[in-house]
Amino acid sequence: MADYLVRGLGFGGSVRAFAVDSTETVGEAQRRHMMWPTATAAVGRLMTGGVMMGAMLKGDDKVVLKIDGGGPLGAILVDSNAHGGVRGYAKNPQTHLELTDKKKLDVGGAVGTEGMVSIIKDLGMRDYFTGQSPIVSGEIAEDLTYYFAVSEQVPSSVGLGVLVDTDNSVLAAGGFIVQIMPDAEEGTISRLEERLANIEPFSKMIQRGLTPEEILEEVFGEGNIEILNKIPVKFECNCSKERFAEGIIGLGKEEIQKMIDEDGAAETQCHFCLETYSYSKEELEALIDELQS
């Protein structure tokens, strides 16, 4: 089944909620970057959180998430839009650590804890919204929960999970974000906190194959969640040969001429999807002509 995300309101509209099945989307990233299990879990969690944060936006708005904790995985970068498109990668995708004492993938060890979570929102205005918070555990979900509380002052709970098979492929991936609205009553907050404290670990929900709607029912209880809409989710990269050509033009005439003189051509690669774009001598000369026109 194709990946999708749902948005809803819980407890009579006093809590907003998002849940997503991102299995195929994370699997696409794993295949493109040939990621090893711990890297897949880390990147997949941030992509899953990112696509839900994208769904909080409108129109052509975009959000970029970066987490760099100084661990062997290096920085993870994810960007997402309001239409369910998301892409992501890690600096060192072939990273895998020994399992933790609880026989779990050691995402926190791979990410590290000496760094920051950075969120940049492009809201179509002159200035970008930028928020940061310290990394709490490197496990991604806790770090995003802390980010919402500290940087956006929105009490939230984030659950993220990625199951990796023995052949490195993605068995299941998904997540939820619930956020308390400003007018929520104390009793509602207590009910939500009690349910969150007693639900099974999110990885178990993923393992059981729950749909996004069923995940939110687990969080809120039957009859306490109203689903508002459903959005298709997919790995989506907006790179193109034309877009990279604009970047080459930005280098200036001298640098482009140097490419022609030294290599007779040029080649670029997108960090997110690993697509490669080649430019012949004639194409580079045309870019110089464009600069001079």
Protein backbone atom coordinates (compact mmCIF):
# COMPACT_ATOMS: atom_id res chain seq x y z
CA MET A 1 0.00 0.00 0.00
CA ALA A 2 1.25 3.49 -0.87
CA ASP A 3 2.47 5.68 1.98
CA TYR A 4 0.13 8.32 3.35
CA LEU A 5 -0.34 10.74 6.21
CA VAL A 6 -3.46 11.72 8.14
CA ARG A 7 -4.28 14.87 10.09
CA GLY A 8 -6.80 14.87 12.87
CA LEU A 9 -8.18 16.53 15.98
CA GLY A 10 -8.39 14.75 19.30
CA PHE A 11 -10.55 15.22 22.38
CA GLY A 12 -13.03 17.59 20.75
CA GLY A 13 -10.45 19.68 18.91
CA SER A 14 -8.18 20.50 21.85
CA VAL A 15 -5.30 18.41 20.47
CA ARG A 16 -4.07 18.27 16.88
CA ALA A 17 -2.54 15.08 15.59
CA PHE A 18 -0.57 13.68 12.67
CA ALA A 19 0.29 10.08 11.84
CA VAL A 20 2.06 8.58 8.84
CA ASP A 21 3.04 5.32 7.20
CA SER A 22 6.41 6.13 5.59
CA THR A 23 7.60 2.60 4.79
CA GLU A 24 8.10 2.96 1.03
CA THR A 25 9.43 6.50 1.37
CA VAL A 26 12.15 5.50 3.83
CA GLY A 27 12.83 2.38 1.75
CA GLU A 28 13.50 4.56 -1.29
CA ALA A 29 16.07 6.57 0.65
CA GLN A 30 17.67 3.36 1.92
CA ARG A 31 18.00 1.95 -1.60
CA ARG A 32 19.35 5.13 -3.15
CA HIS A 33 22.02 5.61 -0.50
CA MET A 34 22.63 1.91 0.23
CA MET A 35 22.26 2.69 3.92
CA TRP A 36 23.18 0.24 6.64
CA PRO A 37 20.63 -0.55 9.38
CA THR A 38 21.50 2.03 12.06
CA ALA A 39 21.79 4.77 9.44
CA THR A 40 18.45 3.72 7.92
CA ALA A 41 16.73 3.93 11.30
CA ALA A 42 18.15 7.38 12.02
CA VAL A 43 17.50 8.90 8.61
CA GLY A 44 14.10 7.20 8.40
CA ARG A 45 13.01 8.60 11.74
CA LEU A 46 14.00 12.15 10.80
CA MET A 47 12.32 11.82 7.38
CA THR A 48 9.16 10.55 9.09
CA GLY A 49 9.17 13.45 11.54
CA GLY A 50 10.00 15.84 8.71
CA VAL A 51 7.10 14.82 6.48
CA MET A 52 4.67 15.39 9.38
CA MET A 53 6.21 18.80 10.06
CA GLY A 54 5.80 19.57 6.37
CA ALA A 55 2.11 18.72 6.68
CA MET A 56 1.83 21.50 9.28
CA LEU A 57 2.63 24.03 6.54
CA LYS A 58 0.55 25.48 3.71
CA GLY A 59 0.86 26.04 -0.04
CA ASP A 60 4.45 25.99 -1.28
CA ASP A 61 6.02 26.32 2.18
CA LYS A 62 8.95 24.02 3.00
CA VAL A 63 10.81 22.87 6.08
CA VAL A 64 14.41 21.70 6.47
CA LEU A 65 15.51 19.59 9.44
CA LYS A 66 19.14 19.07 10.38
CA ILE A 67 20.53 17.06 13.27
CA ASP A 68 24.25 16.77 13.89
CA GLY A 69 25.27 15.24 17.20
CA GLY A 70 28.93 14.55 16.48
CA GLY A 71 28.41 10.78 16.14
CA PRO A 72 29.82 8.51 13.41
CA LEU A 73 26.74 8.98 11.23
CA GLY A 74 27.53 12.66 10.74
CA ALA A 75 24.87 15.24 9.96
CA ILE A 76 21.40 14.16 8.77
CA LEU A 77 19.54 16.56 6.49
CA VAL A 78 15.86 16.26 5.57
CA ASP A 79 13.55 18.58 3.71
CA SER A 80 9.83 18.33 3.23
CA ASN A 81 6.90 20.28 1.83
CA ALA A 82 3.21 20.72 2.56
CA HIS A 83 2.19 18.16 -0.09
CA GLY A 84 3.76 15.01 1.39
CA GLY A 85 7.05 15.17 -0.48
CA VAL A 86 10.19 14.46 1.55
CA ARG A 87 13.84 13.61 0.95
CA GLY A 88 16.80 13.00 3.25
CA TYR A 89 20.33 11.70 3.62
CA ALA A 90 23.15 11.26 6.14
CA LYS A 91 26.78 12.19 5.65
CA ASN A 92 27.92 8.62 6.36
CA PRO A 93 25.12 6.28 5.18
CA GLN A 94 27.21 3.12 5.66
CA THR A 95 27.07 3.41 9.45
CA HIS A 96 26.04 0.54 11.69
CA LEU A 97 26.71 -0.05 15.39
CA GLU A 98 26.30 -3.00 17.70
CA LEU A 99 22.78 -3.42 19.11
CA THR A 100 22.04 -1.84 22.47
CA ASP A 101 21.56 -3.87 25.67
CA LYS A 102 17.84 -3.94 24.82
CA LYS A 103 18.65 -5.44 21.40
CA LYS A 104 17.66 -2.23 19.62
CA LEU A 105 19.46 -0.35 16.85
CA ASP A 106 21.77 2.19 18.53
CA VAL A 107 20.47 5.30 16.78
CA GLY A 108 21.52 7.55 19.66
CA GLY A 109 25.08 6.23 19.49
CA ALA A 110 25.22 6.77 15.72
CA VAL A 111 23.78 10.31 15.88
CA GLY A 112 25.58 11.46 19.04
CA THR A 113 24.43 14.00 21.62
CA GLU A 114 26.95 16.81 21.25
CA GLY A 115 25.07 19.12 18.94
CA MET A 116 21.82 20.72 17.90
CA VAL A 117 18.53 20.11 16.16
CA SER A 118 18.02 22.89 13.61
CA ILE A 119 14.72 23.61 11.84
CA ILE A 120 14.42 26.10 8.98
CA LYS A 121 10.98 26.95 7.60
CA ASP A 122 10.64 28.66 4.22
CA LEU A 123 7.24 30.29 4.53
CA GLY A 124 7.42 32.16 1.24
CA MET A 125 8.41 35.43 2.89
CA ARG A 126 11.63 37.44 2.83
CA ASP A 127 12.91 35.93 6.07
CA TYR A 128 13.10 32.29 7.09
CA PHE A 129 11.95 30.98 10.45
CA THR A 130 14.87 29.28 12.16
CA GLY A 131 14.70 27.37 15.42
CA GLN A 132 17.25 25.33 17.35
CA SER A 133 17.43 23.16 20.44
CA PRO A 134 20.09 20.90 21.96
CA ILE A 135 20.05 17.21 21.14
CA VAL A 136 18.61 15.31 24.10
CA SER A 137 19.30 11.66 23.25
CA GLY A 138 20.07 11.36 19.54
CA GLU A 139 17.06 9.02 19.23
CA ILE A 140 15.27 11.65 17.06
CA ALA A 141 11.74 11.41 18.54
CA GLU A 142 12.80 12.74 21.95
CA ASP A 143 14.88 15.41 20.24
CA LEU A 144 11.94 16.66 18.17
CA THR A 145 9.67 16.59 21.22
CA TYR A 146 12.18 18.77 23.07
CA TYR A 147 12.54 21.07 20.04
CA PHE A 148 8.79 21.74 19.91
CA ALA A 149 8.70 22.53 23.64
CA VAL A 150 11.79 24.77 23.72
CA SER A 151 11.87 26.48 20.34
CA GLU A 152 8.19 26.68 19.39
CA GLN A 153 6.66 26.52 22.88
CA VAL A 154 4.19 23.84 21.77
CA PRO A 155 3.72 20.91 24.19
CA SER A 156 4.07 17.85 21.93
CA SER A 157 4.68 14.14 21.88
CA VAL A 158 6.54 12.53 18.98
CA GLY A 159 6.68 8.81 18.24
CA LEU A 160 8.87 7.49 15.40
CA GLY A 161 9.83 3.98 14.33
CA VAL A 162 11.76 2.21 11.58
CA LEU A 163 12.10 -1.58 11.35
CA VAL A 164 15.00 -2.84 9.23
CA ASP A 165 15.13 -6.37 7.82
CA THR A 166 18.21 -8.63 7.78
CA ASP A 167 18.87 -7.69 4.13
CA ASN A 168 18.96 -3.96 5.10
CA SER A 169 15.57 -3.27 3.49
CA VAL A 170 12.84 -1.39 5.37
CA LEU A 171 10.12 -3.61 6.82
CA ALA A 172 8.04 -0.77 8.24
CA ALA A 173 8.35 2.91 9.10
CA GLY A 174 5.96 5.47 10.52
CA GLY A 175 5.25 7.92 13.28
CA PHE A 176 2.90 10.31 15.05
CA ILE A 177 3.00 13.84 16.40
CA VAL A 178 0.35 15.11 18.84
CA GLN A 179 0.28 18.74 19.95
CA ILE A 180 -1.80 20.38 22.66
CA MET A 181 -3.74 23.43 21.48
CA PRO A 182 -3.58 26.66 23.55
CA ASP A 183 -7.20 26.37 24.75
CA ALA A 184 -6.89 22.76 25.97
CA GLU A 185 -8.23 22.21 29.48
CA GLU A 186 -6.12 20.69 32.23
CA GLY A 187 -8.30 17.59 32.30
CA THR A 188 -7.69 16.98 28.59
CA ILE A 189 -3.96 17.34 29.06
CA SER A 190 -4.03 14.82 31.92
CA ARG A 191 -6.04 12.32 29.83
CA LEU A 192 -3.58 12.58 26.97
CA GLU A 193 -0.56 12.25 29.25
CA GLU A 194 -2.08 9.14 30.84
CA ARG A 195 -2.76 7.51 27.48
CA LEU A 196 0.72 8.31 26.16
CA ALA A 197 2.27 6.86 29.31
CA ASN A 198 0.42 3.57 28.85
CA ILE A 199 0.44 2.89 25.11
CA GLU A 200 2.77 0.20 23.83
CA PRO A 201 6.17 1.26 22.40
CA PHE A 202 5.78 2.82 18.98
CA SER A 203 8.04 0.21 17.37
CA LYS A 204 5.51 -2.43 18.44
CA MET A 205 2.69 -0.52 16.75
CA ILE A 206 4.76 -0.36 13.57
CA GLN A 207 5.53 -4.07 13.85
CA ARG A 208 1.81 -4.84 14.12
CA GLY A 209 1.26 -2.99 10.87
CA LEU A 210 -1.18 -0.41 12.22
CA THR A 211 -2.47 2.17 9.76
CA PRO A 212 -2.04 5.89 10.54
CA GLU A 213 -5.70 6.04 11.57
CA GLU A 214 -5.25 3.06 13.90
CA ILE A 215 -2.12 4.60 15.40
CA LEU A 216 -4.09 7.71 16.37
CA GLU A 217 -6.83 5.52 17.85
CA GLU A 218 -4.17 3.83 19.98
CA VAL A 219 -2.99 7.26 21.15
CA PHE A 220 -6.41 8.84 21.85
CA GLY A 221 -8.71 5.88 22.38
CA GLU A 222 -11.62 4.83 20.21
CA GLY A 223 -14.03 7.66 19.44
CA ASN A 224 -11.65 10.40 20.66
CA ILE A 225 -10.06 11.27 17.30
CA GLU A 226 -11.58 12.93 14.23
CA ILE A 227 -9.62 12.41 11.00
CA LEU A 228 -9.64 15.60 8.91
CA ASN A 229 -7.80 14.60 5.75
CA LYS A 230 -5.34 12.23 4.14
CA ILE A 231 -2.19 13.15 2.14
CA PRO A 232 -0.11 10.84 -0.10
CA VAL A 233 3.54 10.65 1.00
CA LYS A 234 6.56 9.89 -1.18
CA PHE A 235 10.32 10.34 -1.58
CA GLU A 236 10.48 13.44 -3.77
CA CYS A 237 13.55 15.34 -4.99
CA ASN A 238 13.25 18.64 -6.83
CA CYS A 239 16.72 18.54 -8.34
CA SER A 240 17.15 18.92 -12.12
CA LYS A 241 19.83 19.57 -14.70
CA GLU A 242 18.49 23.10 -15.13
CA ARG A 243 18.64 23.80 -11.40
CA PHE A 244 22.25 22.63 -11.16
CA ALA A 245 23.09 24.71 -14.24
CA GLU A 246 21.94 27.78 -12.32
CA GLY A 247 24.44 26.83 -9.61
CA ILE A 248 27.23 26.50 -12.18
CA ILE A 249 26.37 29.92 -13.59
CA GLY A 250 26.69 31.28 -10.06
CA LEU A 251 30.36 30.21 -10.03
CA GLY A 252 31.14 32.85 -12.68
CA LYS A 253 32.79 32.88 -16.09
CA GLU A 254 36.34 32.15 -14.90
CA GLU A 255 35.39 28.99 -13.00
CA ILE A 256 33.30 27.66 -15.88
CA GLN A 257 36.12 28.31 -18.33
CA LYS A 258 38.47 26.49 -15.96
CA MET A 259 36.17 23.43 -16.12
CA ILE A 260 36.31 23.54 -19.91
CA ASP A 261 40.10 23.96 -20.05
CA GLU A 262 40.91 21.29 -17.44
CA ASP A 263 38.23 18.62 -18.00
CA GLY A 264 36.37 19.57 -21.15
CA ALA A 265 33.10 18.88 -19.27
CA ALA A 266 31.51 18.92 -15.81
CA GLU A 267 29.48 16.56 -13.63
CA THR A 268 27.38 17.21 -10.54
CA GLN A 269 25.50 14.93 -8.17
CA CYS A 270 22.51 15.61 -5.92
CA HIS A 271 23.23 14.79 -2.27
CA PHE A 272 19.61 13.87 -1.61
CA CYS A 273 18.80 11.44 -4.45
CA LEU A 274 22.28 10.76 -5.92
CA GLU A 275 21.13 11.60 -9.47
CA THR A 276 24.11 12.66 -11.61
CA TYR A 277 23.99 15.42 -14.23
CA SER A 278 26.65 15.84 -16.91
CA TYR A 279 27.46 19.01 -18.89
CA SER A 280 29.39 18.85 -22.16
CA LYS A 281 31.89 21.45 -23.33
CA GLU A 282 29.20 22.93 -25.56
CA GLU A 283 26.73 23.16 -22.70
CA LEU A 284 29.30 24.88 -20.49
CA GLU A 285 30.11 27.34 -23.27
CA ALA A 286 26.39 28.06 -23.58
CA LEU A 287 26.31 28.88 -19.85
CA ILE A 288 29.15 31.37 -20.37
CA ASP A 289 27.20 32.92 -23.24
CA GLU A 290 24.20 33.20 -20.93
CA LEU A 291 26.35 35.01 -18.39
CA GLN A 292 27.53 37.49 -20.96
CA SER A 293 24.16 38.15 -22.56
